[in-house]
Amino acid sequence: WGVDPLHRHPSIGFDNRAATYQAARHLIGLGH
């Protein structure tokens, strides 16, 4: 559910920050 940015620990996942960043950019683009 996340990827270690420093590559200290084996990991499989996605960028959780990017998920809400995309949603927020969409809302801001609508004028919110």
PDB file of all heavy atoms in Angstrom:
ATOM      1  N   TRP A   1       0.818  -1.216   0.000  1.00  0.00           N
ATOM      2  CA  TRP A   1       0.000   0.000   0.000  1.00  0.00           C
ATOM      3  C   TRP A   1       0.856   1.273   0.000  1.00  0.00           C
ATOM      4  O   TRP A   1       0.356   2.357   0.236  1.00  0.00           O
ATOM      5  CB  TRP A   1      -0.978   0.033   1.181  1.00  0.00           C
ATOM      6  CG  TRP A   1      -2.158  -0.880   0.990  1.00  0.00           C
ATOM      7  CD1 TRP A   1      -2.122  -2.251   0.983  1.00  0.00           C
ATOM      8  CD2 TRP A   1      -3.511  -0.499   0.759  1.00  0.00           C
ATOM      9  NE1 TRP A   1      -3.381  -2.746   0.769  1.00  0.00           N
ATOM     10  CE2 TRP A   1      -4.263  -1.699   0.639  1.00  0.00           C
ATOM     11  CE3 TRP A   1      -4.170   0.717   0.683  1.00  0.00           C
ATOM     12  CZ2 TRP A   1      -5.636  -1.698   0.408  1.00  0.00           C
ATOM     13  CZ3 TRP A   1      -5.544   0.710   0.460  1.00  0.00           C
ATOM     14  CH2 TRP A   1      -6.259  -0.475   0.324  1.00  0.00           C
ATOM     15  N   GLY A   2       2.127   1.145  -0.237  1.00  0.00           N
ATOM     16  CA  GLY A   2       3.012   2.297  -0.344  1.00  0.00           C
ATOM     17  C   GLY A   2       4.378   1.808  -0.799  1.00  0.00           C
ATOM     18  O   GLY A   2       4.670   0.614  -0.729  1.00  0.00           O
ATOM     19  N   VAL A   3       5.195   2.723  -1.286  1.00  0.00           N
ATOM     20  CA  VAL A   3       6.550   2.365  -1.725  1.00  0.00           C
ATOM     21  C   VAL A   3       7.541   3.203  -0.927  1.00  0.00           C
ATOM     22  O   VAL A   3       7.449   4.433  -0.892  1.00  0.00           O
ATOM     23  CB  VAL A   3       6.742   2.598  -3.235  1.00  0.00           C
ATOM     24  CG1 VAL A   3       8.165   2.236  -3.640  1.00  0.00           C
ATOM     25  CG2 VAL A   3       5.743   1.758  -4.026  1.00  0.00           C
ATOM     26  N   ASP A   4       8.477   2.536  -0.270  1.00  0.00           N
ATOM     27  CA  ASP A   4       9.470   3.214   0.557  1.00  0.00           C
ATOM     28  C   ASP A   4      10.309   4.155  -0.307  1.00  0.00           C
ATOM     29  O   ASP A   4      11.047   3.700  -1.187  1.00  0.00           O
ATOM     30  CB  ASP A   4      10.360   2.159   1.228  1.00  0.00           C
ATOM     31  CG  ASP A   4      11.428   2.785   2.116  1.00  0.00           C
ATOM     32  OD1 ASP A   4      11.397   4.012   2.320  1.00  0.00           O
ATOM     33  OD2 ASP A   4      12.291   2.033   2.618  1.00  0.00           O
ATOM     34  N   PRO A   5      10.217   5.462  -0.100  1.00  0.00           N
ATOM     35  CA  PRO A   5      10.944   6.406  -0.975  1.00  0.00           C
ATOM     36  C   PRO A   5      12.454   6.287  -0.848  1.00  0.00           C
ATOM     37  O   PRO A   5      13.187   6.652  -1.780  1.00  0.00           O
ATOM     38  CB  PRO A   5      10.447   7.780  -0.498  1.00  0.00           C
ATOM     39  CG  PRO A   5       9.987   7.556   0.911  1.00  0.00           C
ATOM     40  CD  PRO A   5       9.449   6.164   0.942  1.00  0.00           C
ATOM     41  N   LEU A   6      12.946   5.790   0.282  1.00  0.00           N
ATOM     42  CA  LEU A   6      14.386   5.637   0.474  1.00  0.00           C
ATOM     43  C   LEU A   6      14.890   4.242   0.102  1.00  0.00           C
ATOM     44  O   LEU A   6      16.074   3.952   0.236  1.00  0.00           O
ATOM     45  CB  LEU A   6      14.740   5.941   1.940  1.00  0.00           C
ATOM     46  CG  LEU A   6      14.383   7.346   2.434  1.00  0.00           C
ATOM     47  CD1 LEU A   6      14.784   7.523   3.898  1.00  0.00           C
ATOM     48  CD2 LEU A   6      15.053   8.413   1.568  1.00  0.00           C
ATOM     49  N   HIS A   7      13.990   3.387  -0.339  1.00  0.00           N
ATOM     50  CA  HIS A   7      14.347   2.017  -0.751  1.00  0.00           C
ATOM     51  C   HIS A   7      15.087   1.247   0.355  1.00  0.00           C
ATOM     52  O   HIS A   7      16.001   0.484   0.079  1.00  0.00           O
ATOM     53  CB  HIS A   7      15.176   2.037  -2.038  1.00  0.00           C
ATOM     54  CG  HIS A   7      14.325   2.255  -3.258  1.00  0.00           C
ATOM     55  ND1 HIS A   7      14.741   1.938  -4.529  1.00  0.00           N
ATOM     56  CD2 HIS A   7      13.066   2.761  -3.411  1.00  0.00           C
ATOM     57  CE1 HIS A   7      13.794   2.238  -5.400  1.00  0.00           C
ATOM     58  NE2 HIS A   7      12.763   2.743  -4.724  1.00  0.00           N
ATOM     59  N   ARG A   8      14.646   1.445   1.596  1.00  0.00           N
ATOM     60  CA  ARG A   8      15.227   0.686   2.706  1.00  0.00           C
ATOM     61  C   ARG A   8      14.545  -0.662   2.872  1.00  0.00           C
ATOM     62  O   ARG A   8      15.163  -1.640   3.275  1.00  0.00           O
ATOM     63  CB  ARG A   8      15.083   1.478   4.012  1.00  0.00           C
ATOM     64  CG  ARG A   8      15.813   2.804   4.049  1.00  0.00           C
ATOM     65  CD  ARG A   8      15.240   3.681   5.145  1.00  0.00           C
ATOM     66  NE  ARG A   8      13.815   3.935   4.938  1.00  0.00           N
ATOM     67  CZ  ARG A   8      13.053   4.661   5.731  1.00  0.00           C
ATOM     68  NH1 ARG A   8      13.581   5.204   6.818  1.00  0.00           N
ATOM     69  NH2 ARG A   8      11.771   4.867   5.457  1.00  0.00           N
ATOM     70  N   HIS A   9      13.251  -0.711   2.561  1.00  0.00           N
ATOM     71  CA  HIS A   9      12.460  -1.913   2.810  1.00  0.00           C
ATOM     72  C   HIS A   9      11.714  -2.306   1.540  1.00  0.00           C
ATOM     73  O   HIS A   9      11.086  -1.449   0.896  1.00  0.00           O
ATOM     74  CB  HIS A   9      11.453  -1.662   3.937  1.00  0.00           C
ATOM     75  CG  HIS A   9      12.065  -1.111   5.187  1.00  0.00           C
ATOM     76  ND1 HIS A   9      12.884  -1.862   6.005  1.00  0.00           N
ATOM     77  CD2 HIS A   9      11.989   0.120   5.762  1.00  0.00           C
ATOM     78  CE1 HIS A   9      13.280  -1.126   7.036  1.00  0.00           C
ATOM     79  NE2 HIS A   9      12.758   0.078   6.895  1.00  0.00           N
ATOM     80  N   PRO A  10      11.770  -3.589   1.145  1.00  0.00           N
ATOM     81  CA  PRO A  10      11.029  -4.041  -0.031  1.00  0.00           C
ATOM     82  C   PRO A  10       9.562  -3.627   0.082  1.00  0.00           C
ATOM     83  O   PRO A  10       8.950  -3.775   1.145  1.00  0.00           O
ATOM     84  CB  PRO A  10      11.185  -5.565   0.013  1.00  0.00           C
ATOM     85  CG  PRO A  10      12.444  -5.789   0.796  1.00  0.00           C
ATOM     86  CD  PRO A  10      12.480  -4.702   1.823  1.00  0.00           C
ATOM     87  N   SER A  11       8.991  -3.112  -0.998  1.00  0.00           N
ATOM     88  CA  SER A  11       7.634  -2.583  -0.907  1.00  0.00           C
ATOM     89  C   SER A  11       6.940  -2.603  -2.260  1.00  0.00           C
ATOM     90  O   SER A  11       7.572  -2.489  -3.310  1.00  0.00           O
ATOM     91  CB  SER A  11       7.654  -1.157  -0.335  1.00  0.00           C
ATOM     92  OG  SER A  11       8.655  -0.361  -0.934  1.00  0.00           O
ATOM     93  N   ILE A  12       5.596  -2.732  -2.181  1.00  0.00           N
ATOM     94  CA  ILE A  12       4.755  -2.778  -3.372  1.00  0.00           C
ATOM     95  C   ILE A  12       3.536  -1.912  -3.091  1.00  0.00           C
ATOM     96  O   ILE A  12       2.839  -2.123  -2.095  1.00  0.00           O
ATOM     97  CB  ILE A  12       4.291  -4.218  -3.679  1.00  0.00           C
ATOM     98  CG1 ILE A  12       5.496  -5.124  -3.960  1.00  0.00           C
ATOM     99  CG2 ILE A  12       3.323  -4.233  -4.857  1.00  0.00           C
ATOM    100  CD1 ILE A  12       5.134  -6.588  -4.053  1.00  0.00           C
ATOM    101  N   GLY A  13       3.285  -0.930  -3.944  1.00  0.00           N
ATOM    102  CA  GLY A  13       2.128  -0.087  -3.676  1.00  0.00           C
ATOM    103  C   GLY A  13       1.988   1.034  -4.672  1.00  0.00           C
ATOM    104  O   GLY A  13       2.308   0.881  -5.850  1.00  0.00           O
ATOM    105  N   PHE A  14       1.545   2.173  -4.185  1.00  0.00           N
ATOM    106  CA  PHE A  14       1.296   3.330  -5.038  1.00  0.00           C
ATOM    107  C   PHE A  14       1.521   4.587  -4.214  1.00  0.00           C
ATOM    108  O   PHE A  14       1.699   4.528  -2.995  1.00  0.00           O
ATOM    109  CB  PHE A  14      -0.127   3.294  -5.606  1.00  0.00           C
ATOM    110  CG  PHE A  14      -1.193   3.212  -4.550  1.00  0.00           C
ATOM    111  CD1 PHE A  14      -1.793   4.357  -4.051  1.00  0.00           C
ATOM    112  CD2 PHE A  14      -1.604   1.985  -4.051  1.00  0.00           C
ATOM    113  CE1 PHE A  14      -2.768   4.294  -3.068  1.00  0.00           C
ATOM    114  CE2 PHE A  14      -2.594   1.905  -3.072  1.00  0.00           C
ATOM    115  CZ  PHE A  14      -3.170   3.061  -2.579  1.00  0.00           C
ATOM    116  N   ASP A  15       1.504   5.716  -4.898  1.00  0.00           N
ATOM    117  CA  ASP A  15       1.752   7.007  -4.253  1.00  0.00           C
ATOM    118  C   ASP A  15       0.441   7.519  -3.661  1.00  0.00           C
ATOM    119  O   ASP A  15      -0.422   8.032  -4.386  1.00  0.00           O
ATOM    120  CB  ASP A  15       2.310   7.989  -5.290  1.00  0.00           C
ATOM    121  CG  ASP A  15       2.752   9.306  -4.668  1.00  0.00           C
ATOM    122  OD1 ASP A  15       2.297   9.628  -3.551  1.00  0.00           O
ATOM    123  OD2 ASP A  15       3.534  10.023  -5.316  1.00  0.00           O
ATOM    124  N   ASN A  16       0.276   7.372  -2.351  1.00  0.00           N
ATOM    125  CA  ASN A  16      -0.964   7.810  -1.695  1.00  0.00           C
ATOM    126  C   ASN A  16      -1.148   9.322  -1.797  1.00  0.00           C
ATOM    127  O   ASN A  16      -2.272   9.809  -1.895  1.00  0.00           O
ATOM    128  CB  ASN A  16      -0.943   7.375  -0.236  1.00  0.00           C
ATOM    129  CG  ASN A  16      -1.209   5.896  -0.066  1.00  0.00           C
ATOM    130  OD1 ASN A  16      -2.357   5.460  -0.039  1.00  0.00           O
ATOM    131  ND2 ASN A  16      -0.143   5.106   0.028  1.00  0.00           N
ATOM    132  N   ARG A  17      -0.044  10.052  -1.773  1.00  0.00           N
ATOM    133  CA  ARG A  17      -0.116  11.514  -1.903  1.00  0.00           C
ATOM    134  C   ARG A  17      -0.675  11.887  -3.272  1.00  0.00           C
ATOM    135  O   ARG A  17      -1.497  12.806  -3.397  1.00  0.00           O
ATOM    136  CB  ARG A  17       1.276  12.106  -1.695  1.00  0.00           C
ATOM    137  CG  ARG A  17       1.367  13.626  -1.706  1.00  0.00           C
ATOM    138  CD  ARG A  17       2.818  14.026  -1.446  1.00  0.00           C
ATOM    139  NE  ARG A  17       3.020  15.467  -1.400  1.00  0.00           N
ATOM    140  CZ  ARG A  17       3.234  16.236  -2.453  1.00  0.00           C
ATOM    141  NH1 ARG A  17       3.268  15.683  -3.673  1.00  0.00           N
ATOM    142  NH2 ARG A  17       3.427  17.534  -2.319  1.00  0.00           N
ATOM    143  N   ALA A  18      -0.246  11.162  -4.310  1.00  0.00           N
ATOM    144  CA  ALA A  18      -0.700  11.460  -5.670  1.00  0.00           C
ATOM    145  C   ALA A  18      -2.190  11.221  -5.840  1.00  0.00           C
ATOM    146  O   ALA A  18      -2.849  11.900  -6.650  1.00  0.00           O
ATOM    147  CB  ALA A  18       0.076  10.619  -6.680  1.00  0.00           C
ATOM    148  N   ALA A  19      -2.740  10.277  -5.085  1.00  0.00           N
ATOM    149  CA  ALA A  19      -4.163   9.961  -5.226  1.00  0.00           C
ATOM    150  C   ALA A  19      -5.031  11.171  -4.884  1.00  0.00           C
ATOM    151  O   ALA A  19      -5.885  11.600  -5.679  1.00  0.00           O
ATOM    152  CB  ALA A  19      -4.517   8.773  -4.342  1.00  0.00           C
ATOM    153  N   THR A  20      -4.822  11.751  -3.718  1.00  0.00           N
ATOM    154  CA  THR A  20      -5.635  12.898  -3.328  1.00  0.00           C
ATOM    155  C   THR A  20      -5.201  14.173  -4.057  1.00  0.00           C
ATOM    156  O   THR A  20      -6.000  15.085  -4.242  1.00  0.00           O
ATOM    157  CB  THR A  20      -5.573  13.123  -1.814  1.00  0.00           C
ATOM    158  OG1 THR A  20      -4.211  13.019  -1.374  1.00  0.00           O
ATOM    159  CG2 THR A  20      -6.419  12.092  -1.087  1.00  0.00           C
ATOM    160  N   TYR A  21      -3.946  14.220  -4.482  1.00  0.00           N
ATOM    161  CA  TYR A  21      -3.491  15.357  -5.285  1.00  0.00           C
ATOM    162  C   TYR A  21      -4.299  15.418  -6.584  1.00  0.00           C
ATOM    163  O   TYR A  21      -4.757  16.491  -6.995  1.00  0.00           O
ATOM    164  CB  TYR A  21      -1.996  15.215  -5.582  1.00  0.00           C
ATOM    165  CG  TYR A  21      -1.437  16.283  -6.492  1.00  0.00           C
ATOM    166  CD1 TYR A  21      -1.051  17.524  -5.981  1.00  0.00           C
ATOM    167  CD2 TYR A  21      -1.298  16.055  -7.850  1.00  0.00           C
ATOM    168  CE1 TYR A  21      -0.537  18.508  -6.820  1.00  0.00           C
ATOM    169  CE2 TYR A  21      -0.783  17.021  -8.695  1.00  0.00           C
ATOM    170  CZ  TYR A  21      -0.409  18.247  -8.174  1.00  0.00           C
ATOM    171  OH  TYR A  21       0.088  19.215  -9.015  1.00  0.00           O
ATOM    172  N   GLN A  22      -4.497  14.259  -7.228  1.00  0.00           N
ATOM    173  CA  GLN A  22      -5.284  14.226  -8.460  1.00  0.00           C
ATOM    174  C   GLN A  22      -6.721  14.665  -8.208  1.00  0.00           C
ATOM    175  O   GLN A  22      -7.302  15.438  -8.973  1.00  0.00           O
ATOM    176  CB  GLN A  22      -5.273  12.818  -9.059  1.00  0.00           C
ATOM    177  CG  GLN A  22      -3.976  12.415  -9.706  1.00  0.00           C
ATOM    178  CD  GLN A  22      -4.095  11.099 -10.461  1.00  0.00           C
ATOM    179  OE1 GLN A  22      -5.195  10.679 -10.831  1.00  0.00           O
ATOM    180  NE2 GLN A  22      -2.971  10.446 -10.696  1.00  0.00           N
ATOM    181  N   ALA A  23      -7.305  14.165  -7.119  1.00  0.00           N
ATOM    182  CA  ALA A  23      -8.690  14.524  -6.794  1.00  0.00           C
ATOM    183  C   ALA A  23      -8.810  16.023  -6.523  1.00  0.00           C
ATOM    184  O   ALA A  23      -9.747  16.686  -6.996  1.00  0.00           O
ATOM    185  CB  ALA A  23      -9.164  13.718  -5.590  1.00  0.00           C
ATOM    186  N   ALA A  24      -7.858  16.563  -5.777  1.00  0.00           N
ATOM    187  CA  ALA A  24      -7.897  17.983  -5.439  1.00  0.00           C
ATOM    188  C   ALA A  24      -7.696  18.857  -6.676  1.00  0.00           C
ATOM    189  O   ALA A  24      -8.367  19.892  -6.845  1.00  0.00           O
ATOM    190  CB  ALA A  24      -6.840  18.296  -4.387  1.00  0.00           C
ATOM    191  N   ARG A  25      -6.782  18.450  -7.546  1.00  0.00           N
ATOM    192  CA  ARG A  25      -6.564  19.212  -8.792  1.00  0.00           C
ATOM    193  C   ARG A  25      -7.847  19.247  -9.618  1.00  0.00           C
ATOM    194  O   ARG A  25      -8.171  20.272 -10.231  1.00  0.00           O
ATOM    195  CB  ARG A  25      -5.432  18.555  -9.591  1.00  0.00           C
ATOM    196  CG  ARG A  25      -4.051  18.747  -9.001  1.00  0.00           C
ATOM    197  CD  ARG A  25      -3.431  20.047  -9.404  1.00  0.00           C
ATOM    198  NE  ARG A  25      -3.207  20.115 -10.857  1.00  0.00           N
ATOM    199  CZ  ARG A  25      -2.755  21.188 -11.493  1.00  0.00           C
ATOM    200  NH1 ARG A  25      -2.509  22.296 -10.802  1.00  0.00           N
ATOM    201  NH2 ARG A  25      -2.564  21.178 -12.784  1.00  0.00           N
ATOM    202  N   HIS A  26      -8.552  18.148  -9.622  1.00  0.00           N
ATOM    203  CA  HIS A  26      -9.827  18.089 -10.350  1.00  0.00           C
ATOM    204  C   HIS A  26     -10.819  19.089  -9.761  1.00  0.00           C
ATOM    205  O   HIS A  26     -11.466  19.851 -10.495  1.00  0.00           O
ATOM    206  CB  HIS A  26     -10.370  16.666 -10.274  1.00  0.00           C
ATOM    207  CG  HIS A  26     -11.793  16.516 -10.720  1.00  0.00           C
ATOM    208  ND1 HIS A  26     -12.198  16.760 -12.012  1.00  0.00           N
ATOM    209  CD2 HIS A  26     -12.918  16.153 -10.031  1.00  0.00           C
ATOM    210  CE1 HIS A  26     -13.503  16.553 -12.113  1.00  0.00           C
ATOM    211  NE2 HIS A  26     -13.964  16.182 -10.922  1.00  0.00           N
ATOM    212  N   LEU A  27     -10.935  19.119  -8.448  1.00  0.00           N
ATOM    213  CA  LEU A  27     -11.877  20.039  -7.791  1.00  0.00           C
ATOM    214  C   LEU A  27     -11.471  21.494  -7.996  1.00  0.00           C
ATOM    215  O   LEU A  27     -12.315  22.358  -8.267  1.00  0.00           O
ATOM    216  CB  LEU A  27     -11.948  19.720  -6.304  1.00  0.00           C
ATOM    217  CG  LEU A  27     -12.590  18.376  -5.937  1.00  0.00           C
ATOM    218  CD1 LEU A  27     -12.406  18.086  -4.456  1.00  0.00           C
ATOM    219  CD2 LEU A  27     -14.069  18.356  -6.318  1.00  0.00           C
ATOM    220  N   ILE A  28     -10.181  21.775  -7.879  1.00  0.00           N
ATOM    221  CA  ILE A  28      -9.696  23.139  -8.088  1.00  0.00           C
ATOM    222  C   ILE A  28      -9.957  23.578  -9.526  1.00  0.00           C
ATOM    223  O   ILE A  28     -10.354  24.718  -9.793  1.00  0.00           O
ATOM    224  CB  ILE A  28      -8.193  23.226  -7.738  1.00  0.00           C
ATOM    225  CG1 ILE A  28      -8.003  23.022  -6.223  1.00  0.00           C
ATOM    226  CG2 ILE A  28      -7.613  24.562  -8.171  1.00  0.00           C
ATOM    227  CD1 ILE A  28      -6.556  22.795  -5.817  1.00  0.00           C
ATOM    228  N   GLY A  29      -9.772  22.643 -10.464  1.00  0.00           N
ATOM    229  CA  GLY A  29     -10.042  22.954 -11.866  1.00  0.00           C
ATOM    230  C   GLY A  29     -11.506  23.279 -12.122  1.00  0.00           C
ATOM    231  O   GLY A  29     -11.830  24.039 -13.049  1.00  0.00           O
ATOM    232  N   LEU A  30     -12.392  22.729 -11.306  1.00  0.00           N
ATOM    233  CA  LEU A  30     -13.823  23.027 -11.427  1.00  0.00           C
ATOM    234  C   LEU A  30     -14.175  24.381 -10.814  1.00  0.00           C
ATOM    235  O   LEU A  30     -15.287  24.873 -11.010  1.00  0.00           O
ATOM    236  CB  LEU A  30     -14.641  21.932 -10.740  1.00  0.00           C
ATOM    237  CG  LEU A  30     -14.647  20.557 -11.413  1.00  0.00           C
ATOM    238  CD1 LEU A  30     -15.340  19.536 -10.526  1.00  0.00           C
ATOM    239  CD2 LEU A  30     -15.336  20.628 -12.787  1.00  0.00           C
ATOM    240  N   GLY A  31     -13.227  24.961 -10.047  1.00  0.00           N
ATOM    241  CA  GLY A  31     -13.467  26.264  -9.459  1.00  0.00           C
ATOM    242  C   GLY A  31     -13.593  26.276  -7.946  1.00  0.00           C
ATOM    243  O   GLY A  31     -13.820  27.336  -7.346  1.00  0.00           O
ATOM    244  N   HIS A  32     -13.432  25.133  -7.307  1.00  0.00           N
ATOM    245  CA  HIS A  32     -13.543  25.086  -5.846  1.00  0.00           C
ATOM    246  C   HIS A  32     -12.289  25.679  -5.205  1.00  0.00           C
ATOM    247  O   HIS A  32     -11.164  25.432  -5.657  1.00  0.00           O
ATOM    248  CB  HIS A  32     -13.741  23.642  -5.373  1.00  0.00           C
ATOM    249  CG  HIS A  32     -15.050  23.062  -5.800  1.00  0.00           C
ATOM    250  ND1 HIS A  32     -16.222  23.282  -5.110  1.00  0.00           N
ATOM    251  CD2 HIS A  32     -15.373  22.284  -6.874  1.00  0.00           C
ATOM    252  CE1 HIS A  32     -17.209  22.659  -5.728  1.00  0.00           C
ATOM    253  NE2 HIS A  32     -16.725  22.048  -6.807  1.00  0.00           N
TER     254      HIS A  32
END
